[in-house]
Amino acid sequence: MRANRAYRLIVSRAGIEPAFLADVKRQDRIEVVSVEDGEVVLYWAVEPKLASRLLKELREDLVTLEAADFIDKWIGADAEDLF
């Protein structure tokens, strides 16, 4: 099963400004939630510019990878080390 059928992305922005105008102290939250049981599988709280890059990568992988491969790739991933 494709990852986009098994997981859902939830993004919570701490402000209304776009990432390039956002305050560096702002923290955006990204959650990957299992559709089957509603549990949060992956969670990041990162600065806005990093959040936008992370979202792009996550969305690409949700579409292209199988559910197990997606989790294997992202489990334990530290967002600051990715970019």
N, C-alpha and C. Protein backbone atom coordinates (compact mmCIF):
# COMPACT_ATOMS: atom_id res chain seq x y z
N MET A 1 0.84 -1.18 0.00
CA MET A 1 0.00 0.00 0.00
C MET A 1 0.89 1.25 0.00
N ARG A 2 0.52 2.20 -0.81
CA ARG A 2 1.26 3.46 -0.87
C ARG A 2 1.17 4.21 0.46
N ALA A 3 2.20 4.96 0.76
CA ALA A 3 2.27 5.68 2.02
C ALA A 3 1.17 6.74 2.14
N ASN A 4 0.78 7.34 1.01
CA ASN A 4 -0.25 8.38 1.09
C ASN A 4 -1.63 7.81 1.41
N ARG A 5 -1.79 6.49 1.32
CA ARG A 5 -3.05 5.85 1.72
C ARG A 5 -3.01 5.43 3.20
N ALA A 6 -1.82 5.25 3.74
CA ALA A 6 -1.66 4.77 5.11
C ALA A 6 -1.43 5.90 6.11
N TYR A 7 -0.90 7.04 5.62
CA TYR A 7 -0.54 8.14 6.52
C TYR A 7 -1.07 9.47 6.01
N ARG A 8 -1.29 10.37 6.95
CA ARG A 8 -1.78 11.71 6.64
C ARG A 8 -0.85 12.74 7.25
N LEU A 9 -0.58 13.82 6.53
CA LEU A 9 0.26 14.91 7.04
C LEU A 9 -0.62 15.97 7.69
N ILE A 10 -0.23 16.42 8.88
CA ILE A 10 -0.90 17.52 9.55
C ILE A 10 0.16 18.58 9.83
N VAL A 11 -0.09 19.78 9.33
CA VAL A 11 0.85 20.89 9.49
C VAL A 11 0.18 21.98 10.31
N SER A 12 0.84 22.41 11.38
CA SER A 12 0.34 23.50 12.22
C SER A 12 1.37 24.61 12.22
N ARG A 13 1.00 25.72 11.61
CA ARG A 13 1.91 26.86 11.56
C ARG A 13 1.61 27.79 12.73
N ALA A 14 2.65 28.33 13.34
CA ALA A 14 2.49 29.19 14.51
C ALA A 14 2.21 30.64 14.13
N GLY A 15 2.09 30.93 12.86
CA GLY A 15 1.81 32.28 12.39
C GLY A 15 1.24 32.24 11.00
N ILE A 16 0.79 33.40 10.52
CA ILE A 16 0.18 33.45 9.19
C ILE A 16 1.17 33.85 8.10
N GLU A 17 2.35 34.30 8.50
CA GLU A 17 3.33 34.74 7.52
C GLU A 17 3.90 33.56 6.74
N PRO A 18 4.28 33.79 5.48
CA PRO A 18 4.97 32.74 4.75
C PRO A 18 6.35 32.48 5.37
N ALA A 19 6.93 31.34 5.06
CA ALA A 19 8.19 30.92 5.69
C ALA A 19 9.30 31.95 5.53
N PHE A 20 9.40 32.58 4.36
CA PHE A 20 10.52 33.50 4.13
C PHE A 20 10.36 34.81 4.90
N LEU A 21 9.18 35.11 5.40
CA LEU A 21 8.96 36.32 6.20
C LEU A 21 8.79 36.03 7.70
N ALA A 22 8.77 34.77 8.06
CA ALA A 22 8.46 34.37 9.44
C ALA A 22 9.60 34.70 10.39
N ASP A 23 9.24 34.93 11.63
CA ASP A 23 10.19 35.16 12.71
C ASP A 23 10.99 33.87 12.93
N VAL A 24 12.28 34.00 13.18
CA VAL A 24 13.13 32.82 13.38
C VAL A 24 12.77 32.06 14.66
N LYS A 25 12.08 32.69 15.57
CA LYS A 25 11.69 32.03 16.82
C LYS A 25 10.41 31.21 16.67
N ARG A 26 9.72 31.38 15.56
CA ARG A 26 8.48 30.64 15.33
C ARG A 26 8.77 29.16 15.13
N GLN A 27 7.93 28.32 15.67
CA GLN A 27 8.05 26.87 15.51
C GLN A 27 6.81 26.33 14.82
N ASP A 28 6.98 25.71 13.66
CA ASP A 28 5.89 25.04 12.96
C ASP A 28 5.96 23.56 13.31
N ARG A 29 4.79 22.93 13.41
CA ARG A 29 4.72 21.52 13.77
C ARG A 29 4.26 20.70 12.58
N ILE A 30 4.93 19.58 12.36
CA ILE A 30 4.57 18.65 11.30
C ILE A 30 4.35 17.28 11.94
N GLU A 31 3.19 16.70 11.67
CA GLU A 31 2.86 15.38 12.19
C GLU A 31 2.51 14.45 11.04
N VAL A 32 2.97 13.23 11.13
CA VAL A 32 2.54 12.17 10.22
C VAL A 32 1.68 11.24 11.07
N VAL A 33 0.41 11.12 10.67
CA VAL A 33 -0.58 10.38 11.46
C VAL A 33 -1.04 9.16 10.68
N SER A 34 -1.13 8.04 11.37
CA SER A 34 -1.63 6.80 10.78
C SER A 34 -3.14 6.93 10.54
N VAL A 35 -3.58 6.63 9.34
CA VAL A 35 -5.00 6.69 9.01
C VAL A 35 -5.75 5.57 9.73
N GLU A 36 -5.11 4.44 9.88
CA GLU A 36 -5.76 3.27 10.47
C GLU A 36 -6.18 3.49 11.92
N ASP A 37 -5.29 4.03 12.75
CA ASP A 37 -5.61 4.16 14.16
C ASP A 37 -5.55 5.60 14.70
N GLY A 38 -5.18 6.55 13.87
CA GLY A 38 -5.16 7.95 14.29
C GLY A 38 -4.01 8.34 15.18
N GLU A 39 -3.03 7.47 15.34
CA GLU A 39 -1.87 7.74 16.19
C GLU A 39 -0.81 8.53 15.42
N VAL A 40 -0.13 9.42 16.13
CA VAL A 40 0.98 10.17 15.54
C VAL A 40 2.17 9.22 15.43
N VAL A 41 2.67 9.07 14.21
CA VAL A 41 3.80 8.18 13.95
C VAL A 41 5.11 8.95 13.95
N LEU A 42 5.11 10.13 13.34
CA LEU A 42 6.29 10.99 13.26
C LEU A 42 5.90 12.41 13.64
N TYR A 43 6.81 13.13 14.29
CA TYR A 43 6.51 14.49 14.74
C TYR A 43 7.78 15.34 14.69
N TRP A 44 7.64 16.56 14.16
CA TRP A 44 8.74 17.52 14.16
C TRP A 44 8.19 18.89 14.56
N ALA A 45 8.96 19.64 15.33
CA ALA A 45 8.68 21.05 15.62
C ALA A 45 9.92 21.80 15.17
N VAL A 46 9.80 22.52 14.06
CA VAL A 46 10.98 23.13 13.42
C VAL A 46 10.68 24.57 13.00
N GLU A 47 11.75 25.28 12.66
CA GLU A 47 11.59 26.66 12.18
C GLU A 47 10.90 26.65 10.81
N PRO A 48 10.25 27.73 10.44
CA PRO A 48 9.41 27.76 9.23
C PRO A 48 10.14 27.41 7.93
N LYS A 49 11.33 27.92 7.73
CA LYS A 49 12.03 27.62 6.47
C LYS A 49 12.35 26.14 6.36
N LEU A 50 12.76 25.55 7.46
CA LEU A 50 13.05 24.12 7.48
C LEU A 50 11.76 23.31 7.32
N ALA A 51 10.68 23.79 7.89
CA ALA A 51 9.39 23.10 7.78
C ALA A 51 8.94 23.03 6.33
N SER A 52 9.11 24.09 5.57
CA SER A 52 8.67 24.08 4.17
C SER A 52 9.48 23.08 3.35
N ARG A 53 10.79 22.99 3.61
CA ARG A 53 11.61 22.01 2.89
C ARG A 53 11.26 20.58 3.30
N LEU A 54 11.05 20.39 4.60
CA LEU A 54 10.69 19.07 5.11
C LEU A 54 9.36 18.61 4.54
N LEU A 55 8.39 19.51 4.47
CA LEU A 55 7.08 19.18 3.90
C LEU A 55 7.19 18.74 2.45
N LYS A 56 8.01 19.43 1.70
CA LYS A 56 8.19 19.07 0.29
C LYS A 56 8.72 17.64 0.17
N GLU A 57 9.73 17.31 0.96
CA GLU A 57 10.31 15.97 0.94
C GLU A 57 9.29 14.91 1.39
N LEU A 58 8.57 15.21 2.46
CA LEU A 58 7.58 14.26 2.97
C LEU A 58 6.48 14.01 1.95
N ARG A 59 5.99 15.06 1.31
CA ARG A 59 4.93 14.90 0.32
C ARG A 59 5.39 14.06 -0.87
N GLU A 60 6.62 14.27 -1.32
CA GLU A 60 7.16 13.47 -2.42
C GLU A 60 7.24 12.00 -2.03
N ASP A 61 7.73 11.74 -0.82
CA ASP A 61 7.88 10.36 -0.38
C ASP A 61 6.54 9.69 -0.12
N LEU A 62 5.56 10.43 0.35
CA LEU A 62 4.23 9.85 0.56
C LEU A 62 3.65 9.32 -0.74
N VAL A 63 3.92 10.01 -1.83
CA VAL A 63 3.36 9.61 -3.12
C VAL A 63 4.17 8.48 -3.75
N THR A 64 5.46 8.48 -3.58
CA THR A 64 6.30 7.53 -4.32
C THR A 64 6.64 6.24 -3.56
N LEU A 65 6.65 6.26 -2.23
CA LEU A 65 7.09 5.09 -1.47
C LEU A 65 5.93 4.27 -0.94
N GLU A 66 6.21 3.02 -0.69
CA GLU A 66 5.27 2.16 0.03
C GLU A 66 5.27 2.57 1.50
N ALA A 67 4.22 2.22 2.23
CA ALA A 67 4.07 2.64 3.63
C ALA A 67 5.24 2.20 4.50
N ALA A 68 5.66 0.96 4.38
CA ALA A 68 6.77 0.45 5.20
C ALA A 68 8.08 1.14 4.85
N ASP A 69 8.31 1.38 3.57
CA ASP A 69 9.53 2.06 3.13
C ASP A 69 9.55 3.51 3.62
N PHE A 70 8.40 4.16 3.61
CA PHE A 70 8.30 5.53 4.08
C PHE A 70 8.69 5.63 5.55
N ILE A 71 8.14 4.76 6.37
CA ILE A 71 8.45 4.77 7.80
C ILE A 71 9.92 4.43 8.03
N ASP A 72 10.44 3.44 7.30
CA ASP A 72 11.84 3.08 7.44
C ASP A 72 12.76 4.26 7.13
N LYS A 73 12.40 5.04 6.13
CA LYS A 73 13.23 6.18 5.74
C LYS A 73 13.18 7.30 6.78
N TRP A 74 11.98 7.58 7.32
CA TRP A 74 11.81 8.77 8.16
C TRP A 74 11.88 8.52 9.66
N ILE A 75 11.78 7.29 10.10
CA ILE A 75 11.81 7.02 11.54
C ILE A 75 13.19 7.41 12.08
N GLY A 76 13.21 8.19 13.11
CA GLY A 76 14.47 8.63 13.71
C GLY A 76 15.17 9.75 12.97
N ALA A 77 14.54 10.28 11.91
CA ALA A 77 15.15 11.36 11.13
C ALA A 77 15.06 12.67 11.91
N ASP A 78 16.18 13.32 12.07
CA ASP A 78 16.23 14.61 12.73
C ASP A 78 16.21 15.69 11.64
N ALA A 79 15.19 16.52 11.65
CA ALA A 79 14.99 17.49 10.58
C ALA A 79 16.18 18.42 10.39
N GLU A 80 16.83 18.81 11.46
CA GLU A 80 17.97 19.73 11.34
C GLU A 80 19.14 19.07 10.60
N ASP A 81 19.27 17.75 10.69
CA ASP A 81 20.36 17.05 10.02
C ASP A 81 20.06 16.76 8.56
N LEU A 82 18.79 16.87 8.16
CA LEU A 82 18.41 16.53 6.80
C LEU A 82 18.82 17.59 5.79
N PHE A 83 18.81 18.86 6.18
CA PHE A 83 19.05 19.93 5.22
C PHE A 83 20.21 20.77 5.64
